[in-house]
Protein backbone atom coordinates (compact mmCIF):
# COMPACT_ATOMS: atom_id res chain seq x y z
CA MET A 1 34.72 115.46 29.75
CA ALA A 2 32.41 116.21 27.46
CA ASP A 3 32.78 118.82 24.74
CA LYS A 4 30.23 120.55 25.35
CA GLN A 5 30.67 120.65 29.25
CA VAL A 6 34.19 122.05 28.51
CA ARG A 7 32.98 124.89 26.11
CA GLN A 8 30.15 125.61 29.36
CA PHE A 9 33.37 125.75 31.59
CA PHE A 10 35.25 128.22 30.06
CA GLN A 11 32.18 130.42 28.96
CA GLN A 12 31.38 130.96 32.57
CA TRP A 13 35.24 131.33 33.25
CA TYR A 14 35.70 134.09 30.89
CA GLN A 15 32.79 135.95 32.70
CA SER A 16 35.10 136.01 35.76
CA GLU A 17 37.26 138.84 36.76
CA LEU A 18 40.64 137.07 36.00
CA GLY A 19 38.96 135.48 32.96
CA GLN A 20 37.84 138.95 32.32
CA ASN A 21 41.26 140.60 32.28
CA VAL A 22 42.68 137.13 30.52
CA LEU A 23 40.40 138.19 27.54
CA LYS A 24 40.99 141.48 27.05
CA GLN A 25 44.83 140.81 26.92
CA GLU A 26 44.21 138.42 24.20
CA THR A 27 41.66 140.20 21.82
CA GLU A 28 43.85 143.46 21.86
CA LEU A 29 47.35 141.04 21.21
CA LEU A 30 44.79 139.59 18.31
CA ASP A 31 43.81 142.94 17.05
CA ARG A 32 47.41 144.31 16.76
CA LEU A 33 48.10 141.24 14.66
CA LEU A 34 45.40 141.14 12.23
CA LYS A 35 45.32 145.36 12.19
CA GLU A 36 47.03 145.10 8.70
CA THR A 37 46.08 141.30 7.59
CA VAL A 38 43.97 141.74 4.42
CA GLY A 39 41.79 139.28 2.47
CA TYR A 40 38.60 137.45 2.41
CA TYR A 41 38.02 134.87 4.87
CA LEU A 42 39.13 134.75 8.62
CA LEU A 43 38.18 131.42 10.22
CA MET A 44 38.21 131.00 13.86
CA GLN A 45 37.77 128.43 16.58
CA SER A 46 37.48 129.25 20.63
CA PRO A 47 35.35 127.71 23.58
CA LEU A 48 33.75 130.75 23.77
CA LYS A 49 30.46 131.93 21.01
CA GLN A 50 31.75 134.77 20.25
CA LEU A 51 35.53 136.30 19.98
CA ASP A 52 35.28 139.85 19.23
CA ILE A 53 38.29 140.64 16.69
CA SER A 54 36.99 143.93 16.06
CA HIS A 55 40.05 145.61 13.92
CA SER A 56 40.74 142.92 11.39
CA LEU A 57 40.28 144.29 7.59
CA LEU A 58 39.26 140.52 6.48
CA ARG A 59 35.74 140.55 4.89
CA THR A 60 33.95 137.69 6.18
CA LYS A 61 34.72 136.44 9.63
CA LEU A 62 33.70 132.79 10.54
CA MET A 63 33.30 130.91 13.57
CA ILE A 64 33.44 127.01 13.60
CA ALA A 65 31.33 125.49 16.27
CA PRO A 66 30.79 121.51 17.59
CA SER A 67 27.26 122.55 18.54
CA LEU A 68 24.57 124.89 17.86
CA GLU A 69 24.11 126.71 21.54
CA LEU A 70 21.61 129.28 22.05
CA GLY A 71 22.90 132.86 21.58
CA ALA A 72 25.29 131.54 18.88
CA PRO A 73 26.16 134.51 16.14
CA ASP A 74 24.70 134.65 12.66
CA ASN A 75 28.41 133.56 11.24
CA LEU A 76 28.65 130.42 12.95
CA ILE A 77 29.40 127.18 11.14
CA VAL A 78 28.79 123.62 13.16
CA ALA A 79 31.71 121.70 12.37
CA ASN A 80 34.48 119.35 14.10
CA SER A 81 38.00 120.56 14.32
CA HIS A 82 39.14 117.71 12.33
CA GLU A 83 36.69 117.76 10.08
CA LEU A 84 36.50 121.38 8.70
CA PRO A 85 33.82 122.13 6.04
CA VAL A 86 35.98 124.37 3.78
CA GLU A 87 38.13 123.79 0.86
CA SER A 88 41.83 122.91 0.76
CA ASP A 89 43.96 126.38 0.44
CA GLY A 90 40.81 128.80 0.59
CA ILE A 91 41.15 130.86 4.56
CA ASP A 92 43.60 133.46 4.82
CA VAL A 93 43.59 133.65 8.55
CA HIS A 94 42.52 130.98 11.26
CA VAL A 95 42.60 131.34 14.47
CA LEU A 96 43.04 128.92 16.87
CA HIS A 97 41.78 130.34 20.42
CA HIS A 98 42.37 127.46 23.32
CA THR A 99 41.01 124.81 21.09
CA LEU A 100 43.82 122.93 20.86
CA GLU A 101 44.06 121.91 24.23
CA LEU A 102 41.04 121.07 24.75
CA SER A 103 40.91 118.53 21.83
CA GLU A 104 41.58 114.53 22.09
CA ASP A 105 43.70 115.12 18.84
CA PRO A 106 45.41 118.50 18.78
CA HIS A 107 48.10 117.15 16.34
CA GLY A 108 45.27 116.35 14.08
CA ASP A 109 43.63 119.23 14.24
CA LEU A 110 46.44 121.78 13.81
CA ARG A 111 47.02 119.84 10.54
CA GLU A 112 43.38 120.17 9.38
CA ALA A 113 43.98 124.04 10.21
CA ALA A 114 46.72 124.07 7.81
CA ARG A 115 44.97 122.22 5.11
CA SER A 116 42.64 124.90 5.28
CA LEU A 117 44.85 127.94 4.61
CA LEU A 118 46.09 129.49 1.65
CA PRO A 119 49.49 129.27 0.40
CA SER A 120 50.85 132.07 2.81
CA GLY A 121 48.19 131.88 5.08
CA LYS A 122 48.58 132.64 8.88
CA LEU A 123 47.52 130.55 11.50
CA ILE A 124 47.44 132.07 14.69
CA ILE A 125 47.56 129.93 18.00
CA VAL A 126 46.73 130.70 21.33
CA GLY A 127 47.51 128.55 24.58
CA PHE A 128 48.38 128.03 28.14
CA ASN A 129 51.78 128.01 28.80
CA PRO A 130 52.69 125.26 30.72
CA TRP A 131 56.06 126.71 32.02
CA SER A 132 54.17 129.26 33.93
CA PHE A 133 52.46 130.46 37.33
CA TRP A 134 49.32 129.24 35.68
CA ARG A 135 50.79 125.26 35.39
CA ALA A 136 51.82 125.65 39.00
CA LYS A 137 48.51 126.58 39.91
CA GLN A 138 46.82 124.08 37.69
CA LEU A 139 48.60 121.01 39.89
CA PHE A 140 46.77 122.52 43.14
CA SER A 141 43.71 123.13 41.04
CA SER A 142 40.30 120.67 40.46
CA ARG A 143 40.62 119.30 36.69
CA GLY A 144 36.63 119.45 37.03
CA TYR A 145 36.73 123.16 35.83
CA ALA A 146 37.92 125.88 33.20
CA PRO A 147 41.25 126.54 33.10
CA TRP A 148 42.50 124.25 34.95
CA CYS A 149 41.05 121.11 32.43
CA ALA A 150 42.55 122.11 29.56
CA LYS A 151 45.51 120.42 28.39
CA PHE A 152 48.50 122.80 28.48
CA ILE A 153 50.74 122.02 25.43
CA ALA A 154 54.57 123.17 25.53
CA MET A 155 55.94 125.48 22.89
CA LYS A 156 58.26 122.85 21.78
CA ARG A 157 56.01 120.62 20.94
CA LEU A 158 53.97 123.21 19.03
CA GLU A 159 56.92 123.92 17.15
CA ASP A 160 57.76 120.30 16.16
CA TRP A 161 54.05 119.85 14.91
CA LEU A 162 54.15 123.18 12.75
CA LYS A 163 57.12 121.69 11.11
CA VAL A 164 55.17 118.75 10.02
CA ALA A 165 51.91 120.42 8.86
CA GLY A 166 54.17 122.81 6.63
CA LEU A 167 53.60 125.96 8.53
CA THR A 168 56.78 128.25 9.61
CA LEU A 169 56.88 130.17 13.20
CA GLU A 170 56.63 133.78 12.68
CA SER A 171 56.67 135.16 16.10
CA THR A 172 55.63 134.40 19.51
CA ASP A 173 54.26 136.66 22.21
CA TYR A 174 53.55 136.13 25.82
CA LEU A 175 50.83 137.43 27.96
CA CYS A 176 49.61 137.28 31.85
CA TYR A 177 52.74 137.14 33.77
CA SER A 178 51.38 137.04 37.32
CA PRO A 179 49.98 134.41 38.94
CA PRO A 180 46.25 133.69 38.32
CA PHE A 181 44.41 135.71 41.15
CA LYS A 182 40.79 135.64 41.35
CA SER A 183 40.98 138.83 42.99
CA ALA A 184 41.01 141.85 40.93
CA ALA A 185 42.88 143.93 43.68
CA TRP A 186 45.75 141.16 43.85
CA GLN A 187 45.59 141.35 39.85
CA ALA A 188 46.10 145.48 40.12
CA ARG A 189 49.02 144.47 42.56
CA TRP A 190 51.20 142.55 40.33
CA GLN A 191 50.52 144.41 37.55
CA PRO A 192 53.94 146.57 37.57
CA LEU A 193 55.59 143.37 37.45
CA ASP A 194 53.48 141.54 34.91
CA SER A 195 54.15 144.99 32.63
CA LEU A 196 57.71 144.26 33.30
CA MET A 197 58.17 140.93 32.15
CA SER A 198 56.02 141.44 29.55
CA MET A 199 59.01 143.95 28.02
CA SER A 200 61.42 141.33 28.92
CA LYS A 201 59.73 138.68 26.29
CA LEU A 202 60.84 135.89 28.70
CA ALA A 203 58.62 132.96 27.85
CA LEU A 204 57.08 132.26 31.20
CA GLY A 205 53.57 133.74 30.75
CA GLY A 206 50.78 131.70 31.46
CA VAL A 207 49.68 132.51 27.48
CA TYR A 208 51.59 132.37 24.83
CA VAL A 209 50.23 133.65 20.90
CA ILE A 210 51.89 131.92 18.03
CA THR A 211 51.67 132.99 14.49
CA ALA A 212 52.97 130.66 11.80
CA THR A 213 52.75 130.71 7.59
CA LYS A 214 52.05 128.08 5.55
CA GLN A 215 55.10 127.64 3.22
CA THR A 216 54.53 127.82 -0.16
CA HIS A 217 56.97 125.88 -2.73
CA ARG A 218 56.63 126.99 -6.10
CA LEU A 219 57.54 124.97 -9.12
CA ILE A 220 59.97 127.05 -11.49
CA PRO A 221 60.14 125.34 -15.22
CA HIS A 222 63.72 124.69 -17.15
CA LYS A 223 64.16 125.13 -19.92
CA PRO A 224 65.28 121.69 -21.54
CA ARG A 225 69.01 121.64 -22.19
CA TRP A 226 69.17 120.01 -25.65
CA ARG A 227 72.85 118.06 -26.44
CA ARG A 228 73.72 117.01 -29.87
CA ALA A 229 74.01 113.33 -30.24
CA SER A 230 77.73 111.97 -30.44
CA VAL A 231 76.86 109.58 -33.36
CA ARG A 232 80.15 108.07 -34.34
CA VAL A 233 79.93 107.58 -38.40
CA THR A 234 82.36 105.28 -39.61
CA PRO A 235 84.74 107.17 -41.87
CA LEU A 236 84.56 106.75 -45.91
CA ARG A 237 87.46 104.66 -47.34
CA LYS A 238 88.14 103.38 -51.05
CA PRO A 239 87.72 100.09 -51.81
CA THR A 240 90.77 98.00 -52.03
CA ALA A 241 91.42 95.80 -54.99
CA LYS A 242 90.50 92.40 -53.08
CA GLU A 243 87.33 93.90 -52.09
CA ILE A 244 86.73 94.89 -55.69
CA LYS A 245 87.86 91.44 -57.17
CA GLN A 246 85.45 90.09 -55.28
């Protein structure tokens, strides 16, 4: 399935009642995670044209998309996820919003995102959890529509990828514990259970939000420890009478 078509499917799905509910929970959590983050550059990747993160203190917010779309924001940069047009160690925060599960090479895209981060920069990944009601729904749904066309990535695999990319896992949050009902009425019925399971922080939410930090390796110079050379000097002695005659 073409990347452009997948993006359109997700943009349409996020306009539905279920999609709006999910997006509301995701953006509220992202705002909370970025509320006290300071710096210069926030780079975002998402199947959406724009990801509304309003409470971030980062000065410059940039969106990455594979192609120019109608209604695209002014801060859009057209580029591929595996070839970002940014210098290494230059981005303060990088947000991957449902992009890894839509990628043909998610491991490579994650490494590229890690490359762009400053030392101690943060990577935030939003993805669908395969250990949830959402995965059960995906098994019985058509893969030709969002969000079921996505390849749900398990947390354990992501943790391994983060280590290889030189990132340290800081926190994991889960959202959307209730089944993915299309109807707002059914979503409201399950809301008390959803809130209860959110407080329990069980790893069963339909959406996870991972925060990781780029590791820094500080080189501390050591003064050389000079040692005195141990040179053996032959002791002076008086010549013998035989040596004098010679």
